[in-house]
Amino acid sequence: MIRVTLISCTLATPVAAQQMQVPSGQPVTLSEVLIDEQPGEIWVRFRFIAPEIARDGGAVSYDIAAPDMDHLCETLALPYLQEYALNPTRVVISLSDREVPFGAPTPEATQFFEAYRPETTRCIWEEF
């Protein structure tokens, strides 16, 4: 796995650590971007912190957060891929209620994931 630091994304200011605008209005902050080489494939993973999805005290369910993940794929991931000339097989958008090390079991964390096939102007949802 190659860890990539997000510097900017077709925006005048860096987007890491900025709150992203999503359809639900919940606070969502980009945590990191990872380039992951699966067997013969490249996946780019966009990991976000979304405290409102927490099991204990959160107000945002998966049904509310799913359109947010679609939105983040199309408005942040696609421009990022274009800016850095990346052509992955899949884009994964993940929301977590807290910082979680990639791949580490963290049963107390609430996490939502969606995978997409990136096209030029849209993200096509791919069932895991």
C-alpha atoms as a PDB file:
ATOM      1  CA  MET A   1       0.000   0.000   0.000  1.00  0.00           C
ATOM      2  CA  ILE A   2       1.171   3.487  -0.844  1.00  0.00           C
ATOM      3  CA  ARG A   3       0.110   6.222   1.544  1.00  0.00           C
ATOM      4  CA  VAL A   4      -0.591   9.528  -0.196  1.00  0.00           C
ATOM      5  CA  THR A   5      -0.962  12.850   1.546  1.00  0.00           C
ATOM      6  CA  LEU A   6      -3.776  14.952   0.158  1.00  0.00           C
ATOM      7  CA  ILE A   7      -2.361  18.365  -0.639  1.00  0.00           C
ATOM      8  CA  SER A   8      -5.113  19.854  -2.754  1.00  0.00           C
ATOM      9  CA  CYS A   9      -7.951  18.895  -5.026  1.00  0.00           C
ATOM     10  CA  THR A  10      -8.766  21.377  -7.778  1.00  0.00           C
ATOM     11  CA  LEU A  11      -9.456  23.857  -5.006  1.00  0.00           C
ATOM     12  CA  ALA A  12      -7.413  26.919  -4.142  1.00  0.00           C
ATOM     13  CA  THR A  13      -6.956  25.714  -0.559  1.00  0.00           C
ATOM     14  CA  PRO A  14      -5.995  22.286   0.815  1.00  0.00           C
ATOM     15  CA  VAL A  15      -8.985  20.073   1.569  1.00  0.00           C
ATOM     16  CA  ALA A  16      -7.448  17.833   4.212  1.00  0.00           C
ATOM     17  CA  ALA A  17      -8.798  18.775   7.641  1.00  0.00           C
ATOM     18  CA  GLN A  18     -11.533  20.936   6.095  1.00  0.00           C
ATOM     19  CA  GLN A  19     -15.137  20.121   6.731  1.00  0.00           C
ATOM     20  CA  MET A  20     -16.758  18.881   3.524  1.00  0.00           C
ATOM     21  CA  GLN A  21     -20.244  19.871   2.405  1.00  0.00           C
ATOM     22  CA  VAL A  22     -22.524  16.823   2.061  1.00  0.00           C
ATOM     23  CA  PRO A  23     -26.262  16.422   1.348  1.00  0.00           C
ATOM     24  CA  SER A  24     -27.133  15.429   4.924  1.00  0.00           C
ATOM     25  CA  GLY A  25     -25.394  18.464   6.393  1.00  0.00           C
ATOM     26  CA  GLN A  26     -23.460  16.315   8.867  1.00  0.00           C
ATOM     27  CA  PRO A  27     -19.869  17.351   9.655  1.00  0.00           C
ATOM     28  CA  VAL A  28     -17.473  15.292   7.505  1.00  0.00           C
ATOM     29  CA  THR A  29     -13.696  15.813   7.412  1.00  0.00           C
ATOM     30  CA  LEU A  30     -11.209  14.133   5.086  1.00  0.00           C
ATOM     31  CA  SER A  31      -8.744  12.091   7.128  1.00  0.00           C
ATOM     32  CA  GLU A  32      -6.506  10.525   4.481  1.00  0.00           C
ATOM     33  CA  VAL A  33      -6.237   9.191   0.958  1.00  0.00           C
ATOM     34  CA  LEU A  34      -4.646   5.780   0.393  1.00  0.00           C
ATOM     35  CA  ILE A  35      -3.600   4.117  -2.838  1.00  0.00           C
ATOM     36  CA  ASP A  36      -3.987   0.384  -2.378  1.00  0.00           C
ATOM     37  CA  GLU A  37      -2.774  -2.212  -4.869  1.00  0.00           C
ATOM     38  CA  GLN A  38      -5.134  -5.159  -4.818  1.00  0.00           C
ATOM     39  CA  PRO A  39      -4.057  -8.197  -6.864  1.00  0.00           C
ATOM     40  CA  GLY A  40      -3.608  -6.586 -10.255  1.00  0.00           C
ATOM     41  CA  GLU A  41      -5.818  -3.577  -9.406  1.00  0.00           C
ATOM     42  CA  ILE A  42      -5.377  -0.138  -7.895  1.00  0.00           C
ATOM     43  CA  TRP A  43      -7.981   1.134  -5.455  1.00  0.00           C
ATOM     44  CA  VAL A  44      -7.949   4.672  -4.102  1.00  0.00           C
ATOM     45  CA  ARG A  45      -9.456   4.965  -0.630  1.00  0.00           C
ATOM     46  CA  PHE A  46     -10.813   8.265   0.664  1.00  0.00           C
ATOM     47  CA  ARG A  47     -11.232   8.054   4.433  1.00  0.00           C
ATOM     48  CA  PHE A  48     -13.439  10.564   6.242  1.00  0.00           C
ATOM     49  CA  ILE A  49     -14.287  11.265   9.877  1.00  0.00           C
ATOM     50  CA  ALA A  50     -18.045  11.663  10.438  1.00  0.00           C
ATOM     51  CA  PRO A  51     -18.794  11.802  14.194  1.00  0.00           C
ATOM     52  CA  GLU A  52     -22.571  11.876  13.687  1.00  0.00           C
ATOM     53  CA  ILE A  53     -22.641   8.226  12.500  1.00  0.00           C
ATOM     54  CA  ALA A  54     -21.639   6.975  15.972  1.00  0.00           C
ATOM     55  CA  ARG A  55     -23.776   4.163  17.408  1.00  0.00           C
ATOM     56  CA  ASP A  56     -23.861   5.935  20.752  1.00  0.00           C
ATOM     57  CA  GLY A  57     -25.282   9.423  20.386  1.00  0.00           C
ATOM     58  CA  GLY A  58     -25.001   9.815  16.616  1.00  0.00           C
ATOM     59  CA  ALA A  59     -27.945  11.081  14.590  1.00  0.00           C
ATOM     60  CA  VAL A  60     -26.967   9.880  11.090  1.00  0.00           C
ATOM     61  CA  SER A  61     -27.883   6.370   9.935  1.00  0.00           C
ATOM     62  CA  TYR A  62     -26.445   4.537   6.943  1.00  0.00           C
ATOM     63  CA  ASP A  63     -29.514   5.482   4.866  1.00  0.00           C
ATOM     64  CA  ILE A  64     -28.806   9.165   5.491  1.00  0.00           C
ATOM     65  CA  ALA A  65     -25.026   8.815   5.001  1.00  0.00           C
ATOM     66  CA  ALA A  66     -25.157   6.815   1.727  1.00  0.00           C
ATOM     67  CA  PRO A  67     -25.970   9.864  -0.450  1.00  0.00           C
ATOM     68  CA  ASP A  68     -23.121  11.692   1.310  1.00  0.00           C
ATOM     69  CA  MET A  69     -20.682   8.997   0.153  1.00  0.00           C
ATOM     70  CA  ASP A  70     -22.006   9.229  -3.428  1.00  0.00           C
ATOM     71  CA  HIS A  71     -21.575  13.009  -3.273  1.00  0.00           C
ATOM     72  CA  LEU A  72     -18.014  12.781  -1.902  1.00  0.00           C
ATOM     73  CA  CYS A  73     -17.042  10.373  -4.667  1.00  0.00           C
ATOM     74  CA  GLU A  74     -18.293  12.666  -7.404  1.00  0.00           C
ATOM     75  CA  THR A  75     -17.274  16.046  -5.979  1.00  0.00           C
ATOM     76  CA  LEU A  76     -13.968  15.212  -4.269  1.00  0.00           C
ATOM     77  CA  ALA A  77     -12.663  11.836  -5.476  1.00  0.00           C
ATOM     78  CA  LEU A  78     -13.133  12.328  -9.218  1.00  0.00           C
ATOM     79  CA  PRO A  79     -11.380  15.732  -9.315  1.00  0.00           C
ATOM     80  CA  TYR A  80      -8.587  14.312  -7.130  1.00  0.00           C
ATOM     81  CA  LEU A  81      -8.068  11.381  -9.517  1.00  0.00           C
ATOM     82  CA  GLN A  82      -7.934  13.741 -12.465  1.00  0.00           C
ATOM     83  CA  GLU A  83      -5.549  16.167 -10.748  1.00  0.00           C
ATOM     84  CA  TYR A  84      -3.096  13.409  -9.829  1.00  0.00           C
ATOM     85  CA  ALA A  85      -3.553  11.428 -13.082  1.00  0.00           C
ATOM     86  CA  LEU A  86      -4.744   8.328 -11.225  1.00  0.00           C
ATOM     87  CA  ASN A  87      -6.767   5.674 -13.028  1.00  0.00           C
ATOM     88  CA  PRO A  88      -7.893   3.209 -10.346  1.00  0.00           C
ATOM     89  CA  THR A  89     -10.239   0.274 -10.809  1.00  0.00           C
ATOM     90  CA  ARG A  90     -12.199   1.291  -7.705  1.00  0.00           C
ATOM     91  CA  VAL A  91     -12.683   4.236  -5.405  1.00  0.00           C
ATOM     92  CA  VAL A  92     -13.702   3.479  -1.831  1.00  0.00           C
ATOM     93  CA  ILE A  93     -15.354   6.145   0.292  1.00  0.00           C
ATOM     94  CA  SER A  94     -15.380   5.374   4.008  1.00  0.00           C
ATOM     95  CA  LEU A  95     -16.923   7.232   6.907  1.00  0.00           C
ATOM     96  CA  SER A  96     -15.864   6.542  10.472  1.00  0.00           C
ATOM     97  CA  ASP A  97     -17.077   8.128  13.681  1.00  0.00           C
ATOM     98  CA  ARG A  98     -13.435   8.392  14.856  1.00  0.00           C
ATOM     99  CA  GLU A  99      -9.849   8.005  13.629  1.00  0.00           C
ATOM    100  CA  VAL A 100      -9.175   4.325  12.937  1.00  0.00           C
ATOM    101  CA  PRO A 101      -5.852   2.966  11.675  1.00  0.00           C
ATOM    102  CA  PHE A 102      -6.375   1.409   8.247  1.00  0.00           C
ATOM    103  CA  GLY A 103      -6.988  -2.336   8.542  1.00  0.00           C
ATOM    104  CA  ALA A 104      -6.948  -2.355  12.341  1.00  0.00           C
ATOM    105  CA  PRO A 105      -9.884  -4.056  14.069  1.00  0.00           C
ATOM    106  CA  THR A 106     -11.732  -1.377  16.022  1.00  0.00           C
ATOM    107  CA  PRO A 107     -15.070  -2.872  17.112  1.00  0.00           C
ATOM    108  CA  GLU A 108     -16.099   0.229  19.064  1.00  0.00           C
ATOM    109  CA  ALA A 109     -15.970   2.382  15.904  1.00  0.00           C
ATOM    110  CA  THR A 110     -18.914   2.860  13.563  1.00  0.00           C
ATOM    111  CA  GLN A 111     -17.808   2.719   9.927  1.00  0.00           C
ATOM    112  CA  PHE A 112     -19.637   2.874   6.591  1.00  0.00           C
ATOM    113  CA  PHE A 113     -17.995   1.950   3.272  1.00  0.00           C
ATOM    114  CA  GLU A 114     -18.990   2.158  -0.370  1.00  0.00           C
ATOM    115  CA  ALA A 115     -17.032   1.173  -3.478  1.00  0.00           C
ATOM    116  CA  TYR A 116     -17.390   2.853  -6.860  1.00  0.00           C
ATOM    117  CA  ARG A 117     -16.144   2.401 -10.393  1.00  0.00           C
ATOM    118  CA  PRO A 118     -14.898   5.854 -11.375  1.00  0.00           C
ATOM    119  CA  GLU A 119     -15.905   7.263 -14.743  1.00  0.00           C
ATOM    120  CA  THR A 120     -15.036  10.667 -16.133  1.00  0.00           C
ATOM    121  CA  THR A 121     -17.989  12.555 -14.674  1.00  0.00           C
ATOM    122  CA  ARG A 122     -19.619  10.142 -12.249  1.00  0.00           C
ATOM    123  CA  CYS A 123     -19.077   7.329  -9.787  1.00  0.00           C
ATOM    124  CA  ILE A 124     -20.849   4.027 -10.440  1.00  0.00           C
ATOM    125  CA  TRP A 125     -21.748   2.220  -7.218  1.00  0.00           C
ATOM    126  CA  GLU A 126     -20.233  -1.285  -6.986  1.00  0.00           C
ATOM    127  CA  GLU A 127     -21.653  -3.784  -4.540  1.00  0.00           C
ATOM    128  CA  PHE A 128     -18.972  -5.380  -2.334  1.00  0.00           C
END
